Amino acid sequence: MKTKELTLVAMMTSLTVILAQLSIPIGSVPITFAILSVYLNGALLGRKLGTISIILYILLGAIGLPVFANFSGGIHVLFGPTGGYLFGWIIATFVIGAGFKFGKSNLNTDYFLFIVLSFVGLVVIYLLGVIQLKYVLDLTWAKAYAAGIAPFILLDVLKIIFAGIIVIPVRSALIKSKLLLQN
């Protein structure tokens, strides 16, 4: 990896840490703004670097640094009620980044594709999150859905729309400044 790429990965990992602390505890799964970084990582850094950034964030938390929501950390978080969501972030970031690469589409002109890929990523996050939530807390599927998806849907849709609004000008600025290569 080049120095420029390492710097971008570190910056996006730092953004994820900061956004994770903007959270509201509401039961087993907190409302957090860190999911915005999943969308931004995939769209700005692509499937490889974006995924590395999210994996780095998760590894920092796994070794005990307080980077997860509400300044928590430790391997137990990955095997607790919210761990499935974190693992889902890895796949979602890859999906968003890969969607532009394989679709040979340009994020600068394809807002609709960004929204679709982000929703696909969100479904992956919800799926892995609810599966782990169900088994860790020994819930029924209905209760797992009620605790792990239902309270978050509207806000997560708004986060996707917000990410779509900011990602295109940010990406354009990074390309113009030669900090990022265009797909």
C-alpha atoms as a PDB file:
ATOM      1  CA  MET A   1       0.000   0.000   0.000  1.00  0.00           C
ATOM      2  CA  LYS A   2       1.152   3.510  -0.780  1.00  0.00           C
ATOM      3  CA  THR A   3       1.468   6.202   1.880  1.00  0.00           C
ATOM      4  CA  LYS A   4      -1.539   8.015   0.411  1.00  0.00           C
ATOM      5  CA  GLU A   5      -3.666   4.871   0.699  1.00  0.00           C
ATOM      6  CA  LEU A   6      -2.502   4.200   4.259  1.00  0.00           C
ATOM      7  CA  THR A   7      -3.401   7.764   5.185  1.00  0.00           C
ATOM      8  CA  LEU A   8      -6.883   7.467   3.673  1.00  0.00           C
ATOM      9  CA  VAL A   9      -7.486   4.153   5.453  1.00  0.00           C
ATOM     10  CA  ALA A  10      -6.318   5.647   8.767  1.00  0.00           C
ATOM     11  CA  MET A  11      -8.504   8.728   8.287  1.00  0.00           C
ATOM     12  CA  MET A  12     -11.593   6.666   7.503  1.00  0.00           C
ATOM     13  CA  THR A  13     -10.899   4.327  10.429  1.00  0.00           C
ATOM     14  CA  SER A  14     -10.652   7.401  12.672  1.00  0.00           C
ATOM     15  CA  LEU A  15     -13.934   8.696  11.261  1.00  0.00           C
ATOM     16  CA  THR A  16     -15.561   5.368  12.136  1.00  0.00           C
ATOM     17  CA  VAL A  17     -14.263   5.619  15.720  1.00  0.00           C
ATOM     18  CA  ILE A  18     -15.635   9.151  16.059  1.00  0.00           C
ATOM     19  CA  LEU A  19     -19.023   8.310  14.542  1.00  0.00           C
ATOM     20  CA  ALA A  20     -19.337   5.236  16.785  1.00  0.00           C
ATOM     21  CA  GLN A  21     -19.285   7.506  19.817  1.00  0.00           C
ATOM     22  CA  LEU A  22     -22.279   9.429  18.476  1.00  0.00           C
ATOM     23  CA  SER A  23     -24.643   6.836  19.827  1.00  0.00           C
ATOM     24  CA  ILE A  24     -27.808   6.496  21.846  1.00  0.00           C
ATOM     25  CA  PRO A  25     -28.116   3.352  23.975  1.00  0.00           C
ATOM     26  CA  ILE A  26     -31.630   1.919  23.528  1.00  0.00           C
ATOM     27  CA  GLY A  27     -31.407  -1.632  24.754  1.00  0.00           C
ATOM     28  CA  SER A  28     -29.138  -4.344  23.408  1.00  0.00           C
ATOM     29  CA  VAL A  29     -28.334  -2.513  20.171  1.00  0.00           C
ATOM     30  CA  PRO A  30     -27.525   1.212  20.342  1.00  0.00           C
ATOM     31  CA  ILE A  31     -28.383   3.764  17.685  1.00  0.00           C
ATOM     32  CA  THR A  32     -25.027   4.787  16.245  1.00  0.00           C
ATOM     33  CA  PHE A  33     -23.841   6.949  13.406  1.00  0.00           C
ATOM     34  CA  ALA A  34     -20.852   4.720  12.647  1.00  0.00           C
ATOM     35  CA  ILE A  35     -22.819   2.966   9.919  1.00  0.00           C
ATOM     36  CA  LEU A  36     -22.337   6.147   7.863  1.00  0.00           C
ATOM     37  CA  SER A  37     -18.664   5.260   7.632  1.00  0.00           C
ATOM     38  CA  VAL A  38     -19.575   1.896   6.100  1.00  0.00           C
ATOM     39  CA  TYR A  39     -21.263   3.694   3.200  1.00  0.00           C
ATOM     40  CA  LEU A  40     -18.476   6.266   2.924  1.00  0.00           C
ATOM     41  CA  ASN A  41     -15.695   3.683   3.108  1.00  0.00           C
ATOM     42  CA  GLY A  42     -17.194   1.602   0.337  1.00  0.00           C
ATOM     43  CA  ALA A  43     -17.925   4.554  -1.925  1.00  0.00           C
ATOM     44  CA  LEU A  44     -14.786   6.607  -1.289  1.00  0.00           C
ATOM     45  CA  LEU A  45     -12.103   3.975  -0.784  1.00  0.00           C
ATOM     46  CA  GLY A  46     -13.570   1.088  -2.762  1.00  0.00           C
ATOM     47  CA  ARG A  47     -13.862  -2.562  -1.941  1.00  0.00           C
ATOM     48  CA  LYS A  48     -10.242  -3.187  -0.922  1.00  0.00           C
ATOM     49  CA  LEU A  49      -9.222  -0.099   1.054  1.00  0.00           C
ATOM     50  CA  GLY A  50     -12.710   0.514   2.437  1.00  0.00           C
ATOM     51  CA  THR A  51     -12.934  -3.035   3.728  1.00  0.00           C
ATOM     52  CA  ILE A  52      -9.440  -2.797   5.214  1.00  0.00           C
ATOM     53  CA  SER A  53     -10.517   0.363   7.059  1.00  0.00           C
ATOM     54  CA  ILE A  54     -13.542  -1.365   8.613  1.00  0.00           C
ATOM     55  CA  ILE A  55     -11.519  -4.476   9.490  1.00  0.00           C
ATOM     56  CA  LEU A  56      -8.909  -2.248  11.135  1.00  0.00           C
ATOM     57  CA  TYR A  57     -11.644  -0.554  13.174  1.00  0.00           C
ATOM     58  CA  ILE A  58     -12.987  -3.927  14.315  1.00  0.00           C
ATOM     59  CA  LEU A  59      -9.497  -5.210  15.159  1.00  0.00           C
ATOM     60  CA  LEU A  60      -8.793  -2.084  17.226  1.00  0.00           C
ATOM     61  CA  GLY A  61     -11.972  -2.762  19.178  1.00  0.00           C
ATOM     62  CA  ALA A  62     -11.255  -6.479  19.468  1.00  0.00           C
ATOM     63  CA  ILE A  63      -7.894  -5.863  21.154  1.00  0.00           C
ATOM     64  CA  GLY A  64      -9.646  -3.753  23.759  1.00  0.00           C
ATOM     65  CA  LEU A  65      -9.386  -0.175  22.557  1.00  0.00           C
ATOM     66  CA  PRO A  66     -12.610   1.704  23.385  1.00  0.00           C
ATOM     67  CA  VAL A  67     -13.604   2.370  19.773  1.00  0.00           C
ATOM     68  CA  PHE A  68     -17.007   0.704  19.678  1.00  0.00           C
ATOM     69  CA  ALA A  69     -20.227   2.514  20.606  1.00  0.00           C
ATOM     70  CA  ASN A  70     -20.253   4.111  24.043  1.00  0.00           C
ATOM     71  CA  PHE A  71     -16.457   3.751  24.300  1.00  0.00           C
ATOM     72  CA  SER A  72     -16.596  -0.012  24.604  1.00  0.00           C
ATOM     73  CA  GLY A  73     -14.007  -2.455  23.351  1.00  0.00           C
ATOM     74  CA  GLY A  74     -12.886  -6.039  23.684  1.00  0.00           C
ATOM     75  CA  ILE A  75     -13.402  -9.323  21.917  1.00  0.00           C
ATOM     76  CA  HIS A  76     -16.559  -9.919  23.965  1.00  0.00           C
ATOM     77  CA  VAL A  77     -18.291  -7.165  21.961  1.00  0.00           C
ATOM     78  CA  LEU A  78     -17.780  -9.157  18.759  1.00  0.00           C
ATOM     79  CA  PHE A  79     -19.424 -12.183  20.347  1.00  0.00           C
ATOM     80  CA  GLY A  80     -22.139 -10.197  22.102  1.00  0.00           C
ATOM     81  CA  PRO A  81     -25.507  -8.905  20.872  1.00  0.00           C
ATOM     82  CA  THR A  82     -24.019  -6.307  18.481  1.00  0.00           C
ATOM     83  CA  GLY A  83     -21.181  -8.355  17.012  1.00  0.00           C
ATOM     84  CA  GLY A  84     -23.147  -9.563  14.008  1.00  0.00           C
ATOM     85  CA  TYR A  85     -23.742  -5.986  12.917  1.00  0.00           C
ATOM     86  CA  LEU A  86     -20.015  -5.282  13.071  1.00  0.00           C
ATOM     87  CA  PHE A  87     -19.217  -8.343  10.962  1.00  0.00           C
ATOM     88  CA  GLY A  88     -21.933  -7.221   8.565  1.00  0.00           C
ATOM     89  CA  TRP A  89     -20.121  -3.905   8.145  1.00  0.00           C
ATOM     90  CA  ILE A  90     -17.194  -5.728   6.544  1.00  0.00           C
ATOM     91  CA  ILE A  91     -19.354  -7.393   3.907  1.00  0.00           C
ATOM     92  CA  ALA A  92     -21.471  -4.273   3.339  1.00  0.00           C
ATOM     93  CA  THR A  93     -18.392  -2.111   2.741  1.00  0.00           C
ATOM     94  CA  PHE A  94     -17.054  -4.665   0.273  1.00  0.00           C
ATOM     95  CA  VAL A  95     -20.421  -4.852  -1.531  1.00  0.00           C
ATOM     96  CA  ILE A  96     -20.675  -1.068  -1.896  1.00  0.00           C
ATOM     97  CA  GLY A  97     -17.094  -0.726  -3.110  1.00  0.00           C
ATOM     98  CA  ALA A  98     -17.347  -3.707  -5.453  1.00  0.00           C
ATOM     99  CA  GLY A  99     -20.637  -2.529  -6.922  1.00  0.00           C
ATOM    100  CA  PHE A 100     -18.970   0.443  -8.518  1.00  0.00           C
ATOM    101  CA  LYS A 101     -15.878  -1.450  -9.622  1.00  0.00           C
ATOM    102  CA  PHE A 102     -17.724  -4.371 -11.200  1.00  0.00           C
ATOM    103  CA  GLY A 103     -20.540  -2.226 -12.531  1.00  0.00           C
ATOM    104  CA  LYS A 104     -17.934  -0.031 -14.219  1.00  0.00           C
ATOM    105  CA  SER A 105     -20.018   2.843 -12.954  1.00  0.00           C
ATOM    106  CA  ASN A 106     -18.801   6.224 -11.862  1.00  0.00           C
ATOM    107  CA  LEU A 107     -19.979   7.258  -8.424  1.00  0.00           C
ATOM    108  CA  ASN A 108     -19.808  10.887  -9.503  1.00  0.00           C
ATOM    109  CA  THR A 109     -22.708  10.327 -11.882  1.00  0.00           C
ATOM    110  CA  ASP A 110     -24.573   7.405 -10.372  1.00  0.00           C
ATOM    111  CA  TYR A 111     -26.278   8.482  -7.151  1.00  0.00           C
ATOM    112  CA  PHE A 112     -28.999   5.864  -7.686  1.00  0.00           C
ATOM    113  CA  LEU A 113     -26.449   3.020  -7.752  1.00  0.00           C
ATOM    114  CA  PHE A 114     -24.935   4.296  -4.500  1.00  0.00           C
ATOM    115  CA  ILE A 115     -28.370   4.243  -2.843  1.00  0.00           C
ATOM    116  CA  VAL A 116     -29.135   0.726  -4.118  1.00  0.00           C
ATOM    117  CA  LEU A 117     -25.739  -0.638  -3.044  1.00  0.00           C
ATOM    118  CA  SER A 118     -26.087   1.003   0.371  1.00  0.00           C
ATOM    119  CA  PHE A 119     -29.488  -0.628   0.856  1.00  0.00           C
ATOM    120  CA  VAL A 120     -28.033  -4.001  -0.131  1.00  0.00           C
ATOM    121  CA  GLY A 121     -25.276  -3.396   2.407  1.00  0.00           C
ATOM    122  CA  LEU A 122     -27.845  -2.458   5.044  1.00  0.00           C
ATOM    123  CA  VAL A 123     -29.738  -5.706   4.427  1.00  0.00           C
ATOM    124  CA  VAL A 124     -26.499  -7.657   4.936  1.00  0.00           C
ATOM    125  CA  ILE A 125     -25.819  -5.752   8.173  1.00  0.00           C
ATOM    126  CA  TYR A 126     -29.343  -6.370   9.448  1.00  0.00           C
ATOM    127  CA  LEU A 127     -29.246 -10.034   8.480  1.00  0.00           C
ATOM    128  CA  LEU A 128     -25.981 -10.830  10.258  1.00  0.00           C
ATOM    129  CA  GLY A 129     -26.874  -8.573  13.167  1.00  0.00           C
ATOM    130  CA  VAL A 130     -30.265 -10.113  13.826  1.00  0.00           C
ATOM    131  CA  ILE A 131     -28.972 -13.660  13.494  1.00  0.00           C
ATOM    132  CA  GLN A 132     -26.323 -13.075  16.155  1.00  0.00           C
ATOM    133  CA  LEU A 133     -28.711 -11.036  18.318  1.00  0.00           C
ATOM    134  CA  LYS A 134     -31.265 -13.861  18.227  1.00  0.00           C
ATOM    135  CA  TYR A 135     -28.815 -16.531  19.296  1.00  0.00           C
ATOM    136  CA  VAL A 136     -26.819 -14.509  21.840  1.00  0.00           C
ATOM    137  CA  LEU A 137     -29.931 -13.285  23.658  1.00  0.00           C
ATOM    138  CA  ASP A 138     -31.984 -16.428  22.941  1.00  0.00           C
ATOM    139  CA  LEU A 139     -34.801 -14.460  21.287  1.00  0.00           C
ATOM    140  CA  THR A 140     -37.496 -15.521  18.865  1.00  0.00           C
ATOM    141  CA  TRP A 141     -37.085 -14.233  15.322  1.00  0.00           C
ATOM    142  CA  ALA A 142     -39.913 -11.754  15.899  1.00  0.00           C
ATOM    143  CA  LYS A 143     -38.297 -10.382  19.051  1.00  0.00           C
ATOM    144  CA  ALA A 144     -34.899 -10.217  17.381  1.00  0.00           C
ATOM    145  CA  TYR A 145     -36.456  -8.234  14.520  1.00  0.00           C
ATOM    146  CA  ALA A 146     -38.271  -5.964  16.990  1.00  0.00           C
ATOM    147  CA  ALA A 147     -35.063  -5.294  18.943  1.00  0.00           C
ATOM    148  CA  GLY A 148     -32.508  -5.305  16.152  1.00  0.00           C
ATOM    149  CA  ILE A 149     -34.139  -3.878  13.039  1.00  0.00           C
ATOM    150  CA  ALA A 150     -37.510  -2.201  13.585  1.00  0.00           C
ATOM    151  CA  PRO A 151     -36.277   0.737  15.720  1.00  0.00           C
ATOM    152  CA  PHE A 152     -33.496   1.514  13.245  1.00  0.00           C
ATOM    153  CA  ILE A 153     -35.035   1.327   9.767  1.00  0.00           C
ATOM    154  CA  LEU A 154     -36.186   4.919   9.357  1.00  0.00           C
ATOM    155  CA  LEU A 155     -32.998   6.440  10.758  1.00  0.00           C
ATOM    156  CA  ASP A 156     -30.832   4.097   8.668  1.00  0.00           C
ATOM    157  CA  VAL A 157     -32.691   5.129   5.510  1.00  0.00           C
ATOM    158  CA  LEU A 158     -32.027   8.766   6.412  1.00  0.00           C
ATOM    159  CA  LYS A 159     -28.338   7.936   6.988  1.00  0.00           C
ATOM    160  CA  ILE A 160     -28.124   6.409   3.506  1.00  0.00           C
ATOM    161  CA  ILE A 161     -29.706   9.497   1.953  1.00  0.00           C
ATOM    162  CA  PHE A 162     -27.347  11.763   3.933  1.00  0.00           C
ATOM    163  CA  ALA A 163     -24.321   9.668   2.912  1.00  0.00           C
ATOM    164  CA  GLY A 164     -25.437   9.900  -0.716  1.00  0.00           C
ATOM    165  CA  ILE A 165     -25.645  13.677  -0.473  1.00  0.00           C
ATOM    166  CA  ILE A 166     -22.147  14.082   0.944  1.00  0.00           C
ATOM    167  CA  VAL A 167     -20.247  11.251  -0.745  1.00  0.00           C
ATOM    168  CA  ILE A 168     -20.366  12.620  -4.295  1.00  0.00           C
ATOM    169  CA  PRO A 169     -18.890  16.079  -3.565  1.00  0.00           C
ATOM    170  CA  VAL A 170     -16.339  14.592  -1.145  1.00  0.00           C
ATOM    171  CA  ARG A 171     -15.276  12.018  -3.724  1.00  0.00           C
ATOM    172  CA  SER A 172     -15.041  14.688  -6.423  1.00  0.00           C
ATOM    173  CA  ALA A 173     -12.846  16.848  -4.164  1.00  0.00           C
ATOM    174  CA  LEU A 174     -10.571  13.895  -3.353  1.00  0.00           C
ATOM    175  CA  ILE A 175     -10.211  13.042  -7.043  1.00  0.00           C
ATOM    176  CA  LYS A 176      -9.548  16.676  -7.963  1.00  0.00           C
ATOM    177  CA  SER A 177      -6.839  16.915  -5.303  1.00  0.00           C
ATOM    178  CA  LYS A 178      -5.329  13.648  -6.593  1.00  0.00           C
ATOM    179  CA  LEU A 179      -5.849  11.927  -3.252  1.00  0.00           C
ATOM    180  CA  LEU A 180      -8.135   9.363  -4.829  1.00  0.00           C
ATOM    181  CA  LEU A 181      -8.146   7.622  -8.166  1.00  0.00           C
ATOM    182  CA  GLN A 182     -11.375   7.571 -10.127  1.00  0.00           C
ATOM    183  CA  ASN A 183     -12.936   4.114 -10.708  1.00  0.00           C
END
